[in-house]
Amino acid sequence: MKITKFAQSCVLIETGGKRILIDPGYIQYKESYPDNEWRNIDILLVTHKHEDHCHVDAINKIIKNPKTKFYSSREVADTYPEFSMGIVKAGDVLDVGGIRIEVVKAVHGYIPSLKGGKEIYENVGFIIDDGINRAYQTSDTICFKNDYKCDVLFVPVVDHGLVMGSWEAAFFAKETGARLVIPVHYDHPDHPANFEQIERDFNKQGLRFRFLKIGERIEI
């Protein structure tokens, strides 16, 4: 399994001959992405409707490829009726070309600035299982009780009432049993991360973690 991190919560997972892109957003977006780094996508997954996870222009270009299978929630489909997609909800399991995709619960936080149409009522995470590794993208979520297990975890760490902060993210990550934790959702200029605090909290829980630069690729 090969993993490339992009800004905010966007990750590209390459495994089993498939290219799986999750949450392409507008933050630090480059017009060249759909024709280069995000070309030939087999599976496109979007966790929720916010534009830092669901960039309309990018998605329109990606899904022009007839082989791309696009899955997201009913709320995303209702918000962007121009998209043609498969509708999924927590508890669903997809089998796409031998890759198992588990659609899991996610709970987006609320702050008053989300009033007026930005509230998230339907949010999902995804666990990508290629039979060797399980990679779990939590989406923007606060901490909640679950029994999800994975080898690689992408977890938000910036708090601000919208997602987990590093303290609870560390406990959440430990419960998943992840062998590698990759912090995400810290590229928005209005929601900066305290990297030293993240390191302290994650080290305290004995986690193996790694900050990836935008465009950095690793293999597990």
N, C-alpha and C. Protein backbone atom coordinates (compact mmCIF):
# COMPACT_ATOMS: atom_id res chain seq x y z
N MET A 1 0.84 -1.18 0.00
CA MET A 1 0.00 0.00 0.00
C MET A 1 0.89 1.25 0.00
N LYS A 2 0.61 2.14 -0.97
CA LYS A 2 1.34 3.40 -1.06
C LYS A 2 0.38 4.53 -0.70
N ILE A 3 0.89 5.48 0.07
CA ILE A 3 0.06 6.58 0.57
C ILE A 3 0.72 7.91 0.22
N THR A 4 -0.05 8.81 -0.37
CA THR A 4 0.42 10.17 -0.63
C THR A 4 -0.53 11.13 0.08
N LYS A 5 0.04 12.02 0.88
CA LYS A 5 -0.77 13.01 1.59
C LYS A 5 -0.81 14.32 0.81
N PHE A 6 -2.01 14.89 0.74
CA PHE A 6 -2.17 16.24 0.20
C PHE A 6 -2.70 17.13 1.31
N ALA A 7 -3.06 18.36 0.99
CA ALA A 7 -3.44 19.32 2.02
C ALA A 7 -4.70 18.88 2.76
N GLN A 8 -4.79 19.37 3.99
CA GLN A 8 -5.91 19.16 4.87
C GLN A 8 -6.12 17.66 5.14
N SER A 9 -7.13 17.03 4.60
CA SER A 9 -7.38 15.62 4.90
C SER A 9 -7.34 14.74 3.66
N CYS A 10 -6.82 15.25 2.57
CA CYS A 10 -6.80 14.50 1.31
C CYS A 10 -5.65 13.50 1.28
N VAL A 11 -5.99 12.26 0.96
CA VAL A 11 -4.96 11.23 0.81
C VAL A 11 -5.24 10.41 -0.45
N LEU A 12 -4.18 9.97 -1.08
CA LEU A 12 -4.25 9.05 -2.21
C LEU A 12 -3.67 7.73 -1.75
N ILE A 13 -4.44 6.68 -1.88
CA ILE A 13 -4.00 5.33 -1.50
C ILE A 13 -3.91 4.50 -2.77
N GLU A 14 -2.77 3.90 -3.00
CA GLU A 14 -2.56 3.04 -4.16
C GLU A 14 -2.31 1.62 -3.66
N THR A 15 -3.18 0.71 -4.06
CA THR A 15 -3.04 -0.67 -3.62
C THR A 15 -3.85 -1.57 -4.53
N GLY A 16 -3.38 -2.78 -4.73
CA GLY A 16 -4.09 -3.75 -5.56
C GLY A 16 -4.35 -3.27 -6.96
N GLY A 17 -3.47 -2.42 -7.48
CA GLY A 17 -3.66 -1.88 -8.82
C GLY A 17 -4.71 -0.80 -8.90
N LYS A 18 -5.21 -0.32 -7.76
CA LYS A 18 -6.24 0.72 -7.72
C LYS A 18 -5.68 2.00 -7.12
N ARG A 19 -6.21 3.12 -7.61
CA ARG A 19 -5.86 4.44 -7.07
C ARG A 19 -7.12 5.00 -6.41
N ILE A 20 -7.04 5.19 -5.10
CA ILE A 20 -8.19 5.60 -4.30
C ILE A 20 -7.90 6.98 -3.72
N LEU A 21 -8.72 7.96 -4.08
CA LEU A 21 -8.53 9.33 -3.61
C LEU A 21 -9.65 9.67 -2.63
N ILE A 22 -9.25 10.20 -1.47
CA ILE A 22 -10.21 10.56 -0.44
C ILE A 22 -10.12 12.06 -0.16
N ASP A 23 -11.26 12.73 -0.20
CA ASP A 23 -11.43 14.12 0.22
C ASP A 23 -10.52 15.14 -0.47
N PRO A 24 -10.59 15.24 -1.79
CA PRO A 24 -9.86 16.32 -2.47
C PRO A 24 -10.53 17.66 -2.19
N GLY A 25 -9.81 18.57 -1.55
CA GLY A 25 -10.39 19.86 -1.16
C GLY A 25 -9.71 21.04 -1.82
N TYR A 26 -10.19 22.23 -1.47
CA TYR A 26 -9.71 23.45 -2.13
C TYR A 26 -8.44 24.01 -1.49
N ILE A 27 -8.11 23.63 -0.27
CA ILE A 27 -6.97 24.23 0.42
C ILE A 27 -5.67 23.80 -0.26
N GLN A 28 -4.88 24.79 -0.66
CA GLN A 28 -3.62 24.59 -1.37
C GLN A 28 -3.79 23.71 -2.61
N TYR A 29 -4.97 23.79 -3.20
CA TYR A 29 -5.26 23.03 -4.42
C TYR A 29 -4.46 23.59 -5.60
N LYS A 30 -4.00 22.70 -6.46
CA LYS A 30 -3.30 23.09 -7.68
C LYS A 30 -4.11 22.64 -8.88
N GLU A 31 -4.25 23.52 -9.85
CA GLU A 31 -5.02 23.19 -11.06
C GLU A 31 -4.44 21.99 -11.80
N SER A 32 -3.17 21.71 -11.55
CA SER A 32 -2.51 20.59 -12.24
C SER A 32 -2.87 19.23 -11.64
N TYR A 33 -3.46 19.22 -10.44
CA TYR A 33 -3.71 17.94 -9.77
C TYR A 33 -4.53 16.94 -10.60
N PRO A 34 -5.70 17.32 -11.14
CA PRO A 34 -6.51 16.33 -11.84
C PRO A 34 -5.82 15.68 -13.04
N ASP A 35 -4.89 16.39 -13.66
CA ASP A 35 -4.20 15.85 -14.83
C ASP A 35 -2.89 15.17 -14.47
N ASN A 36 -2.49 15.29 -13.22
CA ASN A 36 -1.20 14.73 -12.81
C ASN A 36 -1.36 13.85 -11.57
N GLU A 37 -1.18 14.42 -10.39
CA GLU A 37 -1.21 13.63 -9.17
C GLU A 37 -2.54 12.89 -8.97
N TRP A 38 -3.65 13.50 -9.42
CA TRP A 38 -4.98 12.89 -9.22
C TRP A 38 -5.56 12.32 -10.51
N ARG A 39 -4.74 11.93 -11.44
CA ARG A 39 -5.24 11.36 -12.68
C ARG A 39 -5.55 9.87 -12.49
N ASN A 40 -6.37 9.35 -13.37
CA ASN A 40 -6.68 7.92 -13.41
C ASN A 40 -7.12 7.36 -12.05
N ILE A 41 -8.03 8.08 -11.41
CA ILE A 41 -8.53 7.63 -10.12
C ILE A 41 -9.58 6.54 -10.33
N ASP A 42 -9.41 5.41 -9.65
CA ASP A 42 -10.37 4.32 -9.75
C ASP A 42 -11.54 4.52 -8.80
N ILE A 43 -11.24 4.98 -7.58
CA ILE A 43 -12.26 5.15 -6.56
C ILE A 43 -12.09 6.52 -5.92
N LEU A 44 -13.15 7.31 -5.93
CA LEU A 44 -13.15 8.63 -5.30
C LEU A 44 -14.12 8.59 -4.13
N LEU A 45 -13.64 8.96 -2.94
CA LEU A 45 -14.45 8.93 -1.72
C LEU A 45 -14.47 10.31 -1.09
N VAL A 46 -15.64 10.77 -0.72
CA VAL A 46 -15.79 12.07 -0.04
C VAL A 46 -16.57 11.86 1.24
N THR A 47 -16.02 12.33 2.35
CA THR A 47 -16.60 12.07 3.67
C THR A 47 -17.78 12.98 4.00
N HIS A 48 -17.71 14.25 3.56
CA HIS A 48 -18.80 15.19 3.87
C HIS A 48 -18.69 16.41 2.94
N LYS A 49 -19.67 17.32 3.06
CA LYS A 49 -19.88 18.33 2.04
C LYS A 49 -18.97 19.55 2.11
N HIS A 50 -18.23 19.77 3.19
CA HIS A 50 -17.40 20.97 3.29
C HIS A 50 -16.35 21.01 2.18
N GLU A 51 -16.11 22.22 1.67
CA GLU A 51 -15.28 22.35 0.48
C GLU A 51 -13.81 22.03 0.71
N ASP A 52 -13.35 22.01 1.97
CA ASP A 52 -11.97 21.60 2.20
C ASP A 52 -11.83 20.08 2.09
N HIS A 53 -12.95 19.40 1.84
CA HIS A 53 -12.96 17.95 1.60
C HIS A 53 -13.61 17.61 0.27
N CYS A 54 -14.33 18.56 -0.28
CA CYS A 54 -15.14 18.30 -1.48
C CYS A 54 -15.04 19.51 -2.41
N HIS A 55 -13.99 19.53 -3.22
CA HIS A 55 -13.74 20.66 -4.12
C HIS A 55 -14.43 20.38 -5.46
N VAL A 56 -15.45 21.16 -5.76
CA VAL A 56 -16.31 20.89 -6.90
C VAL A 56 -15.54 20.82 -8.21
N ASP A 57 -14.69 21.80 -8.47
CA ASP A 57 -13.97 21.83 -9.75
C ASP A 57 -13.09 20.60 -9.92
N ALA A 58 -12.39 20.25 -8.86
CA ALA A 58 -11.51 19.08 -8.94
C ALA A 58 -12.30 17.81 -9.19
N ILE A 59 -13.40 17.65 -8.46
CA ILE A 59 -14.20 16.44 -8.60
C ILE A 59 -14.82 16.34 -9.98
N ASN A 60 -15.30 17.45 -10.51
CA ASN A 60 -15.87 17.43 -11.86
C ASN A 60 -14.84 16.95 -12.88
N LYS A 61 -13.59 17.34 -12.71
CA LYS A 61 -12.54 16.90 -13.63
C LYS A 61 -12.21 15.43 -13.42
N ILE A 62 -12.13 15.00 -12.17
CA ILE A 62 -11.77 13.61 -11.87
C ILE A 62 -12.81 12.64 -12.41
N ILE A 63 -14.09 12.95 -12.22
CA ILE A 63 -15.14 11.99 -12.60
C ILE A 63 -15.47 12.02 -14.09
N LYS A 64 -14.78 12.86 -14.84
CA LYS A 64 -14.91 12.77 -16.30
C LYS A 64 -14.35 11.45 -16.81
N ASN A 65 -13.43 10.87 -16.04
CA ASN A 65 -12.90 9.55 -16.39
C ASN A 65 -13.99 8.52 -16.15
N PRO A 66 -14.44 7.80 -17.17
CA PRO A 66 -15.57 6.87 -17.00
C PRO A 66 -15.29 5.72 -16.05
N LYS A 67 -14.02 5.44 -15.78
CA LYS A 67 -13.72 4.32 -14.88
C LYS A 67 -13.81 4.71 -13.41
N THR A 68 -13.86 6.01 -13.12
CA THR A 68 -13.85 6.47 -11.73
C THR A 68 -15.19 6.18 -11.07
N LYS A 69 -15.15 5.47 -9.96
CA LYS A 69 -16.34 5.20 -9.15
C LYS A 69 -16.33 6.17 -7.97
N PHE A 70 -17.39 6.94 -7.84
CA PHE A 70 -17.47 8.01 -6.85
C PHE A 70 -18.53 7.65 -5.82
N TYR A 71 -18.13 7.71 -4.53
CA TYR A 71 -19.05 7.38 -3.44
C TYR A 71 -19.02 8.47 -2.37
N SER A 72 -20.20 8.81 -1.91
CA SER A 72 -20.30 9.76 -0.80
C SER A 72 -21.69 9.64 -0.18
N SER A 73 -21.98 10.55 0.74
CA SER A 73 -23.23 10.49 1.50
C SER A 73 -24.40 11.11 0.73
N ARG A 74 -25.60 10.84 1.22
CA ARG A 74 -26.79 11.48 0.66
C ARG A 74 -26.71 13.00 0.79
N GLU A 75 -26.17 13.50 1.91
CA GLU A 75 -26.06 14.94 2.10
C GLU A 75 -25.17 15.59 1.05
N VAL A 76 -24.08 14.92 0.71
CA VAL A 76 -23.21 15.44 -0.35
C VAL A 76 -23.95 15.43 -1.68
N ALA A 77 -24.66 14.34 -1.96
CA ALA A 77 -25.41 14.25 -3.22
C ALA A 77 -26.47 15.33 -3.31
N ASP A 78 -27.14 15.62 -2.20
CA ASP A 78 -28.18 16.66 -2.20
C ASP A 78 -27.58 18.06 -2.34
N THR A 79 -26.37 18.25 -1.78
CA THR A 79 -25.72 19.56 -1.84
C THR A 79 -25.16 19.84 -3.23
N TYR A 80 -24.70 18.79 -3.89
CA TYR A 80 -24.09 18.94 -5.22
C TYR A 80 -24.82 18.03 -6.21
N PRO A 81 -26.03 18.40 -6.62
CA PRO A 81 -26.81 17.53 -7.51
C PRO A 81 -26.19 17.33 -8.88
N GLU A 82 -25.20 18.14 -9.22
CA GLU A 82 -24.53 17.96 -10.50
C GLU A 82 -23.65 16.72 -10.54
N PHE A 83 -23.33 16.17 -9.37
CA PHE A 83 -22.49 14.97 -9.31
C PHE A 83 -23.34 13.71 -9.46
N SER A 84 -22.80 12.74 -10.16
CA SER A 84 -23.38 11.40 -10.19
C SER A 84 -22.50 10.51 -9.33
N MET A 85 -23.12 9.88 -8.32
CA MET A 85 -22.31 9.11 -7.37
C MET A 85 -23.10 7.96 -6.79
N GLY A 86 -22.38 7.05 -6.15
CA GLY A 86 -23.02 6.02 -5.36
C GLY A 86 -23.23 6.56 -3.95
N ILE A 87 -24.43 6.37 -3.41
CA ILE A 87 -24.75 6.88 -2.08
C ILE A 87 -24.43 5.81 -1.04
N VAL A 88 -23.67 6.22 -0.02
CA VAL A 88 -23.30 5.28 1.05
C VAL A 88 -23.64 5.88 2.40
N LYS A 89 -23.70 5.01 3.39
CA LYS A 89 -23.96 5.43 4.77
C LYS A 89 -23.15 4.54 5.69
N ALA A 90 -22.98 4.97 6.94
CA ALA A 90 -22.23 4.19 7.91
C ALA A 90 -22.83 2.80 8.04
N GLY A 91 -21.96 1.80 8.01
CA GLY A 91 -22.39 0.41 8.07
C GLY A 91 -22.32 -0.29 6.73
N ASP A 92 -22.26 0.48 5.63
CA ASP A 92 -22.14 -0.13 4.31
C ASP A 92 -20.73 -0.67 4.10
N VAL A 93 -20.63 -1.68 3.25
CA VAL A 93 -19.35 -2.23 2.85
C VAL A 93 -19.34 -2.34 1.33
N LEU A 94 -18.31 -1.78 0.70
CA LEU A 94 -18.15 -1.85 -0.74
C LEU A 94 -17.03 -2.82 -1.09
N ASP A 95 -17.18 -3.51 -2.20
CA ASP A 95 -16.10 -4.32 -2.76
C ASP A 95 -15.86 -3.82 -4.16
N VAL A 96 -14.77 -3.10 -4.34
CA VAL A 96 -14.47 -2.50 -5.63
C VAL A 96 -13.16 -3.09 -6.14
N GLY A 97 -13.26 -4.00 -7.08
CA GLY A 97 -12.07 -4.60 -7.65
C GLY A 97 -11.21 -5.34 -6.65
N GLY A 98 -11.87 -5.96 -5.67
CA GLY A 98 -11.13 -6.71 -4.65
C GLY A 98 -10.69 -5.88 -3.47
N ILE A 99 -10.94 -4.59 -3.49
CA ILE A 99 -10.62 -3.72 -2.36
C ILE A 99 -11.89 -3.57 -1.51
N ARG A 100 -11.80 -3.88 -0.23
CA ARG A 100 -12.94 -3.75 0.68
C ARG A 100 -12.92 -2.34 1.28
N ILE A 101 -14.03 -1.66 1.18
CA ILE A 101 -14.15 -0.31 1.74
C ILE A 101 -15.30 -0.32 2.74
N GLU A 102 -14.96 -0.12 4.00
CA GLU A 102 -15.96 -0.06 5.06
C GLU A 102 -16.33 1.40 5.30
N VAL A 103 -17.61 1.68 5.25
CA VAL A 103 -18.11 3.03 5.52
C VAL A 103 -18.47 3.08 7.01
N VAL A 104 -17.85 3.99 7.74
CA VAL A 104 -17.97 3.98 9.19
C VAL A 104 -18.48 5.32 9.72
N LYS A 105 -18.85 5.30 10.97
CA LYS A 105 -19.41 6.48 11.62
C LYS A 105 -18.37 7.60 11.76
N ALA A 106 -18.84 8.82 11.69
CA ALA A 106 -18.03 10.00 11.99
C ALA A 106 -18.98 11.06 12.55
N VAL A 107 -18.49 11.86 13.49
CA VAL A 107 -19.33 12.86 14.15
C VAL A 107 -18.66 14.22 14.05
N HIS A 108 -19.14 15.05 13.13
CA HIS A 108 -18.55 16.37 12.93
C HIS A 108 -18.96 17.29 14.08
N GLY A 109 -18.01 18.03 14.62
CA GLY A 109 -18.31 18.98 15.68
C GLY A 109 -19.11 20.17 15.17
N TYR A 110 -19.66 20.91 16.11
CA TYR A 110 -20.49 22.06 15.75
C TYR A 110 -19.99 23.31 16.46
N ILE A 111 -19.91 24.42 15.74
CA ILE A 111 -19.69 25.74 16.30
C ILE A 111 -20.67 26.69 15.61
N PRO A 112 -21.03 27.82 16.22
CA PRO A 112 -22.06 28.70 15.65
C PRO A 112 -21.79 29.19 14.23
N SER A 113 -20.54 29.27 13.83
CA SER A 113 -20.25 29.76 12.47
C SER A 113 -20.72 28.78 11.39
N LEU A 114 -21.14 27.58 11.77
CA LEU A 114 -21.67 26.63 10.80
C LEU A 114 -23.15 26.85 10.50
N LYS A 115 -23.77 27.80 11.23
CA LYS A 115 -25.18 28.08 10.96
C LYS A 115 -25.38 28.56 9.52
N GLY A 116 -26.55 28.28 9.00
CA GLY A 116 -26.87 28.80 7.67
C GLY A 116 -26.48 27.89 6.54
N GLY A 117 -26.48 26.61 6.78
CA GLY A 117 -26.24 25.65 5.71
C GLY A 117 -24.93 24.91 5.77
N LYS A 118 -24.05 25.27 6.71
CA LYS A 118 -22.77 24.59 6.79
C LYS A 118 -22.74 23.47 7.84
N GLU A 119 -23.85 23.32 8.56
CA GLU A 119 -23.89 22.22 9.54
C GLU A 119 -23.74 20.88 8.81
N ILE A 120 -23.11 19.94 9.48
CA ILE A 120 -22.96 18.60 8.91
C ILE A 120 -23.88 17.65 9.67
N TYR A 121 -24.87 17.12 8.95
CA TYR A 121 -25.80 16.18 9.55
C TYR A 121 -25.47 14.74 9.18
N GLU A 122 -24.71 14.57 8.10
CA GLU A 122 -24.33 13.23 7.66
C GLU A 122 -22.85 13.23 7.30
N ASN A 123 -22.10 12.48 8.04
CA ASN A 123 -20.64 12.45 7.91
C ASN A 123 -20.21 10.99 8.01
N VAL A 124 -19.24 10.59 7.22
CA VAL A 124 -18.77 9.21 7.28
C VAL A 124 -17.25 9.17 7.20
N GLY A 125 -16.68 8.10 7.72
CA GLY A 125 -15.28 7.80 7.52
C GLY A 125 -15.17 6.58 6.62
N PHE A 126 -13.95 6.25 6.22
CA PHE A 126 -13.73 5.10 5.35
C PHE A 126 -12.54 4.29 5.85
N ILE A 127 -12.68 2.97 5.85
CA ILE A 127 -11.57 2.07 6.12
C ILE A 127 -11.29 1.28 4.84
N ILE A 128 -10.10 1.46 4.30
CA ILE A 128 -9.68 0.79 3.07
C ILE A 128 -8.90 -0.46 3.46
N ASP A 129 -9.40 -1.62 3.06
CA ASP A 129 -8.80 -2.91 3.44
C ASP A 129 -8.40 -3.66 2.17
N ASP A 130 -7.10 -3.82 1.97
CA ASP A 130 -6.62 -4.53 0.78
C ASP A 130 -6.26 -5.98 1.07
N GLY A 131 -6.61 -6.46 2.28
CA GLY A 131 -6.29 -7.83 2.66
C GLY A 131 -4.98 -7.94 3.39
N ILE A 132 -4.18 -6.89 3.34
CA ILE A 132 -2.89 -6.86 4.05
C ILE A 132 -2.90 -5.74 5.07
N ASN A 133 -3.30 -4.55 4.63
CA ASN A 133 -3.35 -3.38 5.51
C ASN A 133 -4.75 -2.77 5.51
N ARG A 134 -5.07 -2.16 6.65
CA ARG A 134 -6.32 -1.41 6.79
C ARG A 134 -5.98 0.05 7.07
N ALA A 135 -6.41 0.94 6.18
CA ALA A 135 -6.14 2.36 6.31
C ALA A 135 -7.45 3.08 6.61
N TYR A 136 -7.50 3.79 7.72
CA TYR A 136 -8.74 4.40 8.22
C TYR A 136 -8.65 5.92 8.15
N GLN A 137 -9.48 6.52 7.29
CA GLN A 137 -9.64 7.98 7.24
C GLN A 137 -10.88 8.32 8.05
N THR A 138 -10.69 8.99 9.19
CA THR A 138 -11.78 9.22 10.12
C THR A 138 -12.79 10.26 9.66
N SER A 139 -12.41 11.12 8.73
CA SER A 139 -13.13 12.35 8.39
C SER A 139 -12.97 13.35 9.54
N ASP A 140 -13.62 14.49 9.42
CA ASP A 140 -13.65 15.49 10.50
C ASP A 140 -14.55 14.93 11.59
N THR A 141 -13.99 14.56 12.71
CA THR A 141 -14.81 13.95 13.74
C THR A 141 -14.31 14.30 15.13
N ILE A 142 -15.26 14.39 16.05
CA ILE A 142 -14.90 14.43 17.46
C ILE A 142 -14.78 12.99 17.93
N CYS A 143 -14.34 12.81 19.16
CA CYS A 143 -14.12 11.47 19.68
C CYS A 143 -15.47 10.79 19.95
N PHE A 144 -15.58 9.53 19.64
CA PHE A 144 -16.79 8.77 19.92
C PHE A 144 -16.42 7.30 20.15
N LYS A 145 -17.29 6.59 20.82
CA LYS A 145 -17.03 5.18 21.13
C LYS A 145 -17.19 4.33 19.87
N ASN A 146 -16.21 3.47 19.63
CA ASN A 146 -16.29 2.57 18.48
C ASN A 146 -15.33 1.40 18.69
N ASP A 147 -15.39 0.44 17.79
CA ASP A 147 -14.48 -0.70 17.85
C ASP A 147 -13.69 -0.86 16.56
N TYR A 148 -13.48 0.24 15.82
CA TYR A 148 -12.77 0.18 14.55
C TYR A 148 -11.28 -0.10 14.77
N LYS A 149 -10.73 -0.97 13.95
CA LYS A 149 -9.32 -1.32 14.02
C LYS A 149 -8.65 -1.06 12.68
N CYS A 150 -7.38 -0.68 12.73
CA CYS A 150 -6.67 -0.39 11.49
C CYS A 150 -5.17 -0.52 11.70
N ASP A 151 -4.46 -0.48 10.59
CA ASP A 151 -2.99 -0.47 10.62
C ASP A 151 -2.46 0.95 10.46
N VAL A 152 -3.15 1.75 9.64
CA VAL A 152 -2.77 3.14 9.41
C VAL A 152 -3.99 4.01 9.68
N LEU A 153 -3.78 5.06 10.45
CA LEU A 153 -4.88 5.96 10.81
C LEU A 153 -4.57 7.38 10.38
N PHE A 154 -5.51 8.01 9.69
CA PHE A 154 -5.44 9.44 9.38
C PHE A 154 -6.41 10.13 10.32
N VAL A 155 -5.90 10.94 11.24
CA VAL A 155 -6.75 11.48 12.30
C VAL A 155 -6.58 12.99 12.42
N PRO A 156 -7.68 13.75 12.53
CA PRO A 156 -7.58 15.21 12.70
C PRO A 156 -7.11 15.56 14.10
N VAL A 157 -6.43 16.70 14.23
CA VAL A 157 -5.77 17.00 15.52
C VAL A 157 -5.90 18.44 15.99
N VAL A 158 -6.72 19.28 15.31
CA VAL A 158 -6.65 20.71 15.60
C VAL A 158 -7.78 21.26 16.47
N ASP A 159 -8.73 20.42 16.87
CA ASP A 159 -9.77 20.83 17.81
C ASP A 159 -10.63 21.96 17.22
N HIS A 160 -10.66 23.15 17.84
CA HIS A 160 -11.49 24.29 17.42
C HIS A 160 -12.97 23.94 17.41
N GLY A 161 -13.36 22.94 18.20
CA GLY A 161 -14.75 22.55 18.30
C GLY A 161 -15.28 21.72 17.15
N LEU A 162 -14.49 21.53 16.12
CA LEU A 162 -14.93 20.84 14.91
C LEU A 162 -14.47 19.40 14.84
N VAL A 163 -13.26 19.15 15.32
CA VAL A 163 -12.66 17.81 15.26
C VAL A 163 -11.94 17.55 16.58
N MET A 164 -11.36 16.38 16.68
CA MET A 164 -10.56 16.06 17.86
C MET A 164 -9.34 16.97 17.97
N GLY A 165 -8.97 17.28 19.19
CA GLY A 165 -7.67 17.87 19.45
C GLY A 165 -6.67 16.75 19.65
N SER A 166 -5.41 17.09 19.83
CA SER A 166 -4.37 16.06 19.88
C SER A 166 -4.51 15.14 21.09
N TRP A 167 -5.01 15.66 22.22
CA TRP A 167 -5.12 14.85 23.42
C TRP A 167 -6.09 13.69 23.21
N GLU A 168 -7.33 14.01 22.76
CA GLU A 168 -8.29 12.94 22.54
C GLU A 168 -7.97 12.13 21.30
N ALA A 169 -7.34 12.76 20.29
CA ALA A 169 -6.94 12.01 19.10
C ALA A 169 -5.94 10.92 19.44
N ALA A 170 -5.07 11.20 20.41
CA ALA A 170 -4.08 10.20 20.83
C ALA A 170 -4.76 8.98 21.45
N PHE A 171 -5.76 9.21 22.30
CA PHE A 171 -6.51 8.10 22.89
C PHE A 171 -7.29 7.35 21.82
N PHE A 172 -7.92 8.09 20.92
CA PHE A 172 -8.69 7.49 19.83
C PHE A 172 -7.78 6.60 18.99
N ALA A 173 -6.60 7.11 18.65
CA ALA A 173 -5.65 6.37 17.82
C ALA A 173 -5.19 5.10 18.52
N LYS A 174 -4.93 5.19 19.80
CA LYS A 174 -4.46 4.02 20.54
C LYS A 174 -5.50 2.91 20.53
N GLU A 175 -6.78 3.28 20.63
CA GLU A 175 -7.86 2.29 20.62
C GLU A 175 -7.96 1.55 19.29
N THR A 176 -7.56 2.19 18.20
CA THR A 176 -7.65 1.54 16.89
C THR A 176 -6.55 0.50 16.68
N GLY A 177 -5.49 0.55 17.50
CA GLY A 177 -4.37 -0.36 17.32
C GLY A 177 -3.48 -0.03 16.14
N ALA A 178 -3.58 1.19 15.62
CA ALA A 178 -2.82 1.57 14.43
C ALA A 178 -1.32 1.45 14.66
N ARG A 179 -0.63 0.88 13.68
CA ARG A 179 0.83 0.79 13.73
C ARG A 179 1.48 2.10 13.31
N LEU A 180 0.73 2.91 12.55
CA LEU A 180 1.22 4.21 12.11
C LEU A 180 0.06 5.19 12.14
N VAL A 181 0.28 6.34 12.76
CA VAL A 181 -0.74 7.38 12.83
C VAL A 181 -0.23 8.59 12.05
N ILE A 182 -1.05 9.08 11.13
CA ILE A 182 -0.70 10.23 10.32
C ILE A 182 -1.66 11.36 10.66
N PRO A 183 -1.20 12.39 11.38
CA PRO A 183 -2.08 13.54 11.69
C PRO A 183 -2.48 14.28 10.42
N VAL A 184 -3.74 14.74 10.39
CA VAL A 184 -4.24 15.49 9.23
C VAL A 184 -5.11 16.64 9.73
N HIS A 185 -5.64 17.40 8.76
CA HIS A 185 -6.58 18.48 9.01
C HIS A 185 -5.94 19.63 9.81
N TYR A 186 -4.76 20.06 9.35
CA TYR A 186 -4.09 21.17 10.03
C TYR A 186 -3.58 22.22 9.04
N ASP A 187 -4.09 22.21 7.81
CA ASP A 187 -3.59 23.13 6.80
C ASP A 187 -4.46 24.36 6.60
N HIS A 188 -5.60 24.43 7.27
CA HIS A 188 -6.45 25.62 7.16
C HIS A 188 -5.81 26.76 7.95
N PRO A 189 -5.60 27.92 7.34
CA PRO A 189 -4.91 29.02 8.04
C PRO A 189 -5.65 29.51 9.29
N ASP A 190 -6.96 29.31 9.35
CA ASP A 190 -7.73 29.75 10.53
C ASP A 190 -7.71 28.73 11.67
N HIS A 191 -7.19 27.53 11.40
CA HIS A 191 -7.19 26.47 12.40
C HIS A 191 -5.79 25.85 12.50
N PRO A 192 -4.83 26.61 12.97
CA PRO A 192 -3.45 26.11 13.01
C PRO A 192 -3.27 25.02 14.06
N ALA A 193 -2.27 24.19 13.83
CA ALA A 193 -1.95 23.10 14.76
C ALA A 193 -0.79 23.49 15.65
N ASN A 194 -0.79 22.93 16.86
CA ASN A 194 0.34 23.05 17.77
C ASN A 194 1.12 21.74 17.67
N PHE A 195 2.13 21.73 16.82
CA PHE A 195 2.83 20.49 16.53
C PHE A 195 3.59 19.94 17.74
N GLU A 196 4.11 20.80 18.55
CA GLU A 196 4.81 20.34 19.75
C GLU A 196 3.84 19.64 20.70
N GLN A 197 2.63 20.19 20.83
CA GLN A 197 1.64 19.56 21.69
C GLN A 197 1.18 18.22 21.12
N ILE A 198 1.02 18.15 19.83
CA ILE A 198 0.65 16.88 19.19
C ILE A 198 1.71 15.82 19.50
N GLU A 199 2.96 16.18 19.33
CA GLU A 199 4.04 15.23 19.61
C GLU A 199 4.01 14.77 21.07
N ARG A 200 3.81 15.70 21.99
CA ARG A 200 3.77 15.33 23.41
C ARG A 200 2.61 14.37 23.69
N ASP A 201 1.44 14.70 23.18
CA ASP A 201 0.27 13.87 23.45
C ASP A 201 0.39 12.49 22.80
N PHE A 202 0.90 12.45 21.58
CA PHE A 202 1.03 11.16 20.90
C PHE A 202 2.13 10.31 21.53
N ASN A 203 3.23 10.95 21.90
CA ASN A 203 4.32 10.20 22.56
C ASN A 203 3.86 9.63 23.90
N LYS A 204 3.04 10.38 24.61
CA LYS A 204 2.56 9.92 25.91
C LYS A 204 1.76 8.63 25.79
N GLN A 205 1.08 8.45 24.67
CA GLN A 205 0.30 7.24 24.45
C GLN A 205 1.10 6.15 23.72
N GLY A 206 2.38 6.42 23.49
CA GLY A 206 3.25 5.42 22.86
C GLY A 206 2.94 5.16 21.41
N LEU A 207 2.42 6.17 20.71
CA LEU A 207 2.05 6.00 19.31
C LEU A 207 3.24 6.19 18.38
N ARG A 208 3.24 5.41 17.33
CA ARG A 208 4.18 5.67 16.23
C ARG A 208 3.46 6.56 15.24
N PHE A 209 3.97 7.76 15.02
CA PHE A 209 3.28 8.71 14.16
C PHE A 209 4.27 9.41 13.25
N ARG A 210 3.71 10.02 12.21
CA ARG A 210 4.57 10.71 11.25
C ARG A 210 3.79 11.83 10.60
N PHE A 211 4.37 13.04 10.61
CA PHE A 211 3.81 14.15 9.86
C PHE A 211 4.31 14.05 8.42
N LEU A 212 3.40 14.09 7.48
CA LEU A 212 3.77 14.04 6.08
C LEU A 212 3.61 15.42 5.43
N LYS A 213 4.56 15.79 4.62
CA LYS A 213 4.45 17.03 3.85
C LYS A 213 3.47 16.85 2.72
N ILE A 214 2.94 17.93 2.22
CA ILE A 214 2.02 17.87 1.10
C ILE A 214 2.75 17.29 -0.12
N GLY A 215 2.19 16.22 -0.65
CA GLY A 215 2.80 15.54 -1.80
C GLY A 215 3.77 14.45 -1.41
N GLU A 216 4.01 14.28 -0.11
CA GLU A 216 4.94 13.22 0.32
C GLU A 216 4.29 11.86 0.21
N ARG A 217 5.07 10.89 -0.26
CA ARG A 217 4.57 9.54 -0.52
C ARG A 217 5.36 8.54 0.30
N ILE A 218 4.64 7.61 0.93
CA ILE A 218 5.29 6.55 1.69
C ILE A 218 4.69 5.21 1.30
N GLU A 219 5.40 4.15 1.62
CA GLU A 219 4.90 2.80 1.35
C GLU A 219 4.91 2.01 2.65
N ILE A 220 3.83 1.29 2.91
CA ILE A 220 3.75 0.50 4.14
C ILE A 220 3.56 -0.98 3.81
